[in-house]
Amino acid sequence: MTPEPIRYWSSNGVRSGLLVNRGRRWLYIMLMDYPIKIRRVPVSAIQSIQALKLKGQPYPVTRAVNIFKRSVKRCYGTLRKAPKDVRKALS
């Protein structure tokens, strides 16, 4: 599944992120929050997820992935030191 740029409302506030994988019971999302990692959220939380928009159009996936890659490099020093699931989602 290709990542989808999303906006996620949680108890900690609103975060931008990528919807990495959608299963039967869980959604796997990567939020722009320190540390950048894949978080598992129940499918019932789909009501608190909205597609990210840029000037009324769907947010470009390649642009979002590049922004996340830059942030991962800042967080972990290099992309190779990031967790394996994060590297897989960004490749």
N, C-alpha and C. Protein backbone atom coordinates (compact mmCIF):
# COMPACT_ATOMS: atom_id res chain seq x y z
N MET A 1 0.84 -1.18 0.00
CA MET A 1 0.00 0.00 0.00
C MET A 1 0.88 1.24 0.00
N THR A 2 0.58 2.18 -0.87
CA THR A 2 1.34 3.43 -0.87
C THR A 2 0.86 4.30 0.28
N PRO A 3 1.75 5.03 0.91
CA PRO A 3 1.35 5.87 2.04
C PRO A 3 0.40 6.98 1.59
N GLU A 4 -0.53 7.34 2.47
CA GLU A 4 -1.47 8.42 2.20
C GLU A 4 -1.24 9.53 3.23
N PRO A 5 -1.06 10.77 2.79
CA PRO A 5 -0.94 11.88 3.75
C PRO A 5 -2.27 12.11 4.46
N ILE A 6 -2.22 12.20 5.79
CA ILE A 6 -3.44 12.34 6.58
C ILE A 6 -3.27 13.41 7.66
N ARG A 7 -4.39 13.80 8.23
CA ARG A 7 -4.43 14.63 9.43
C ARG A 7 -5.14 13.78 10.48
N TYR A 8 -4.53 13.63 11.67
CA TYR A 8 -5.04 12.73 12.70
C TYR A 8 -5.33 13.52 13.97
N TRP A 9 -6.57 13.41 14.47
CA TRP A 9 -6.96 14.03 15.73
C TRP A 9 -6.83 13.00 16.83
N SER A 10 -6.05 13.32 17.87
CA SER A 10 -5.90 12.41 19.00
C SER A 10 -6.09 13.20 20.29
N SER A 11 -5.92 12.54 21.40
CA SER A 11 -6.03 13.23 22.68
C SER A 11 -4.87 14.21 22.89
N ASN A 12 -3.78 14.03 22.13
CA ASN A 12 -2.63 14.92 22.23
C ASN A 12 -2.70 16.10 21.27
N GLY A 13 -3.75 16.18 20.47
CA GLY A 13 -3.89 17.27 19.51
C GLY A 13 -3.93 16.74 18.08
N VAL A 14 -3.78 17.65 17.14
CA VAL A 14 -3.84 17.30 15.72
C VAL A 14 -2.42 17.11 15.20
N ARG A 15 -2.19 16.04 14.48
CA ARG A 15 -0.88 15.74 13.91
C ARG A 15 -1.03 15.39 12.44
N SER A 16 -0.05 15.77 11.66
CA SER A 16 0.03 15.32 10.26
C SER A 16 0.76 13.99 10.24
N GLY A 17 0.45 13.17 9.27
CA GLY A 17 1.10 11.88 9.21
C GLY A 17 0.87 11.17 7.91
N LEU A 18 1.31 9.92 7.88
CA LEU A 18 1.12 9.05 6.73
C LEU A 18 0.39 7.80 7.18
N LEU A 19 -0.66 7.45 6.45
CA LEU A 19 -1.34 6.18 6.68
C LEU A 19 -0.55 5.13 5.91
N VAL A 20 0.16 4.29 6.63
CA VAL A 20 1.09 3.35 6.02
C VAL A 20 0.39 2.06 5.59
N ASN A 21 -0.46 1.53 6.46
CA ASN A 21 -1.11 0.26 6.17
C ASN A 21 -2.48 0.24 6.83
N ARG A 22 -3.44 -0.40 6.18
CA ARG A 22 -4.79 -0.52 6.72
C ARG A 22 -5.14 -2.00 6.76
N GLY A 23 -5.37 -2.49 7.96
CA GLY A 23 -5.73 -3.90 8.13
C GLY A 23 -7.18 -4.03 8.53
N ARG A 24 -7.56 -5.23 8.93
CA ARG A 24 -8.93 -5.49 9.33
C ARG A 24 -9.24 -4.88 10.69
N ARG A 25 -8.26 -4.90 11.61
CA ARG A 25 -8.48 -4.40 12.97
C ARG A 25 -7.66 -3.16 13.30
N TRP A 26 -6.53 -2.95 12.61
CA TRP A 26 -5.62 -1.88 12.98
C TRP A 26 -5.25 -1.02 11.77
N LEU A 27 -5.01 0.24 12.05
CA LEU A 27 -4.41 1.17 11.08
C LEU A 27 -3.01 1.44 11.55
N TYR A 28 -2.06 1.46 10.64
CA TYR A 28 -0.68 1.75 10.98
C TYR A 28 -0.36 3.13 10.41
N ILE A 29 -0.08 4.08 11.31
CA ILE A 29 0.17 5.44 10.88
C ILE A 29 1.52 5.91 11.41
N MET A 30 2.16 6.77 10.64
CA MET A 30 3.42 7.39 11.03
C MET A 30 3.13 8.87 11.20
N LEU A 31 3.21 9.37 12.43
CA LEU A 31 2.89 10.75 12.72
C LEU A 31 4.14 11.61 12.74
N MET A 32 3.97 12.89 12.41
CA MET A 32 5.07 13.84 12.48
C MET A 32 5.18 14.28 13.94
N ASP A 33 5.79 13.43 14.74
CA ASP A 33 5.92 13.62 16.17
C ASP A 33 7.22 12.95 16.59
N TYR A 34 7.91 13.51 17.59
CA TYR A 34 9.18 12.94 18.00
C TYR A 34 8.95 11.82 18.99
N PRO A 35 9.55 10.66 18.89
CA PRO A 35 10.32 10.16 17.76
C PRO A 35 9.38 9.69 16.65
N ILE A 36 9.85 9.76 15.43
CA ILE A 36 9.05 9.32 14.29
C ILE A 36 9.07 7.80 14.27
N LYS A 37 7.90 7.21 14.46
CA LYS A 37 7.76 5.76 14.44
C LYS A 37 6.37 5.41 13.98
N ILE A 38 6.15 4.15 13.67
CA ILE A 38 4.85 3.66 13.23
C ILE A 38 4.01 3.38 14.47
N ARG A 39 2.83 3.93 14.50
CA ARG A 39 1.92 3.71 15.61
C ARG A 39 0.72 2.90 15.12
N ARG A 40 0.21 2.05 16.00
CA ARG A 40 -0.92 1.19 15.67
C ARG A 40 -2.17 1.78 16.32
N VAL A 41 -3.19 2.01 15.51
CA VAL A 41 -4.43 2.64 15.96
C VAL A 41 -5.59 1.73 15.55
N PRO A 42 -6.60 1.56 16.40
CA PRO A 42 -7.73 0.72 15.99
C PRO A 42 -8.49 1.33 14.81
N VAL A 43 -9.12 0.48 14.03
CA VAL A 43 -9.86 0.94 12.85
C VAL A 43 -11.01 1.86 13.24
N SER A 44 -11.52 1.73 14.46
CA SER A 44 -12.60 2.60 14.91
C SER A 44 -12.18 4.06 14.97
N ALA A 45 -10.88 4.34 14.94
CA ALA A 45 -10.37 5.71 14.96
C ALA A 45 -10.36 6.35 13.57
N ILE A 46 -10.91 5.67 12.57
CA ILE A 46 -10.92 6.19 11.21
C ILE A 46 -11.72 7.49 11.14
N GLN A 47 -12.66 7.69 12.07
CA GLN A 47 -13.44 8.92 12.07
C GLN A 47 -12.61 10.13 12.48
N SER A 48 -11.47 9.91 13.12
CA SER A 48 -10.61 11.02 13.52
C SER A 48 -9.45 11.22 12.53
N ILE A 49 -9.55 10.60 11.35
CA ILE A 49 -8.52 10.74 10.32
C ILE A 49 -9.16 11.38 9.09
N GLN A 50 -8.45 12.36 8.55
CA GLN A 50 -8.93 13.06 7.37
C GLN A 50 -7.79 13.15 6.36
N ALA A 51 -8.12 13.08 5.08
CA ALA A 51 -7.09 13.21 4.04
C ALA A 51 -6.52 14.62 4.06
N LEU A 52 -5.22 14.72 3.90
CA LEU A 52 -4.55 16.02 3.92
C LEU A 52 -4.72 16.70 2.57
N LYS A 53 -4.98 18.00 2.59
CA LYS A 53 -5.21 18.77 1.36
C LYS A 53 -4.16 19.86 1.24
N LEU A 54 -3.87 20.24 0.00
CA LEU A 54 -2.99 21.37 -0.30
C LEU A 54 -3.69 22.19 -1.37
N LYS A 55 -4.15 23.37 -1.00
CA LYS A 55 -4.87 24.27 -1.90
C LYS A 55 -6.09 23.60 -2.51
N GLY A 56 -6.81 22.84 -1.70
CA GLY A 56 -8.03 22.19 -2.15
C GLY A 56 -7.82 20.88 -2.90
N GLN A 57 -6.60 20.52 -3.19
CA GLN A 57 -6.28 19.28 -3.91
C GLN A 57 -5.68 18.28 -2.93
N PRO A 58 -5.73 16.98 -3.24
CA PRO A 58 -5.05 15.99 -2.39
C PRO A 58 -3.56 16.30 -2.29
N TYR A 59 -3.01 16.13 -1.09
CA TYR A 59 -1.60 16.44 -0.85
C TYR A 59 -0.73 15.48 -1.65
N PRO A 60 0.29 15.95 -2.36
CA PRO A 60 1.16 15.06 -3.14
C PRO A 60 1.91 14.07 -2.25
N VAL A 61 1.82 12.79 -2.59
CA VAL A 61 2.43 11.74 -1.78
C VAL A 61 3.95 11.86 -1.78
N THR A 62 4.55 12.12 -2.93
CA THR A 62 6.01 12.19 -2.99
C THR A 62 6.54 13.35 -2.15
N ARG A 63 5.81 14.44 -2.13
CA ARG A 63 6.23 15.58 -1.31
C ARG A 63 6.18 15.23 0.18
N ALA A 64 5.10 14.56 0.60
CA ALA A 64 4.97 14.15 1.99
C ALA A 64 6.06 13.15 2.39
N VAL A 65 6.36 12.21 1.52
CA VAL A 65 7.39 11.21 1.82
C VAL A 65 8.76 11.89 1.94
N ASN A 66 9.04 12.85 1.07
CA ASN A 66 10.33 13.56 1.15
C ASN A 66 10.43 14.35 2.44
N ILE A 67 9.35 14.98 2.88
CA ILE A 67 9.36 15.72 4.14
C ILE A 67 9.60 14.77 5.31
N PHE A 68 8.96 13.60 5.28
CA PHE A 68 9.17 12.62 6.34
C PHE A 68 10.59 12.09 6.34
N LYS A 69 11.17 11.88 5.15
CA LYS A 69 12.56 11.41 5.09
C LYS A 69 13.50 12.41 5.73
N ARG A 70 13.30 13.69 5.43
CA ARG A 70 14.13 14.74 6.04
C ARG A 70 13.99 14.73 7.55
N SER A 71 12.76 14.57 8.04
CA SER A 71 12.53 14.56 9.48
C SER A 71 13.13 13.34 10.16
N VAL A 72 13.07 12.19 9.48
CA VAL A 72 13.68 10.97 10.02
C VAL A 72 15.19 11.15 10.12
N LYS A 73 15.78 11.77 9.11
CA LYS A 73 17.22 12.00 9.14
C LYS A 73 17.60 12.92 10.29
N ARG A 74 16.77 13.94 10.56
CA ARG A 74 17.04 14.83 11.70
C ARG A 74 16.87 14.10 13.03
N CYS A 75 15.89 13.22 13.10
CA CYS A 75 15.56 12.52 14.34
C CYS A 75 16.60 11.46 14.67
N TYR A 76 17.01 10.67 13.68
CA TYR A 76 17.90 9.53 13.92
C TYR A 76 19.32 9.75 13.43
N GLY A 77 19.61 10.87 12.80
CA GLY A 77 20.95 11.14 12.30
C GLY A 77 21.12 10.70 10.86
N THR A 78 20.63 9.54 10.53
CA THR A 78 20.67 9.02 9.17
C THR A 78 19.49 8.08 8.97
N LEU A 79 19.13 7.85 7.75
CA LEU A 79 17.98 6.98 7.47
C LEU A 79 18.26 5.54 7.86
N ARG A 80 19.53 5.14 7.83
CA ARG A 80 19.89 3.76 8.16
C ARG A 80 19.70 3.43 9.63
N LYS A 81 19.74 4.45 10.51
CA LYS A 81 19.56 4.22 11.94
C LYS A 81 18.09 4.20 12.36
N ALA A 82 17.20 4.54 11.45
CA ALA A 82 15.77 4.53 11.75
C ALA A 82 15.27 3.10 11.88
N PRO A 83 14.15 2.88 12.59
CA PRO A 83 13.59 1.53 12.70
C PRO A 83 13.26 0.96 11.33
N LYS A 84 13.29 -0.36 11.25
CA LYS A 84 13.12 -1.06 9.98
C LYS A 84 11.76 -0.76 9.34
N ASP A 85 10.69 -0.72 10.15
CA ASP A 85 9.36 -0.47 9.59
C ASP A 85 9.22 0.96 9.05
N VAL A 86 9.92 1.92 9.65
CA VAL A 86 9.90 3.30 9.16
C VAL A 86 10.62 3.37 7.81
N ARG A 87 11.77 2.71 7.73
CA ARG A 87 12.52 2.70 6.45
C ARG A 87 11.70 2.05 5.35
N LYS A 88 11.00 0.97 5.68
CA LYS A 88 10.20 0.27 4.69
C LYS A 88 9.04 1.14 4.21
N ALA A 89 8.42 1.89 5.11
CA ALA A 89 7.29 2.75 4.75
C ALA A 89 7.73 3.90 3.86
N LEU A 90 8.96 4.36 4.01
CA LEU A 90 9.44 5.50 3.24
C LEU A 90 10.13 5.11 1.95
N SER A 91 10.31 3.83 1.71
CA SER A 91 10.98 3.42 0.48
C SER A 91 10.01 3.22 -0.66
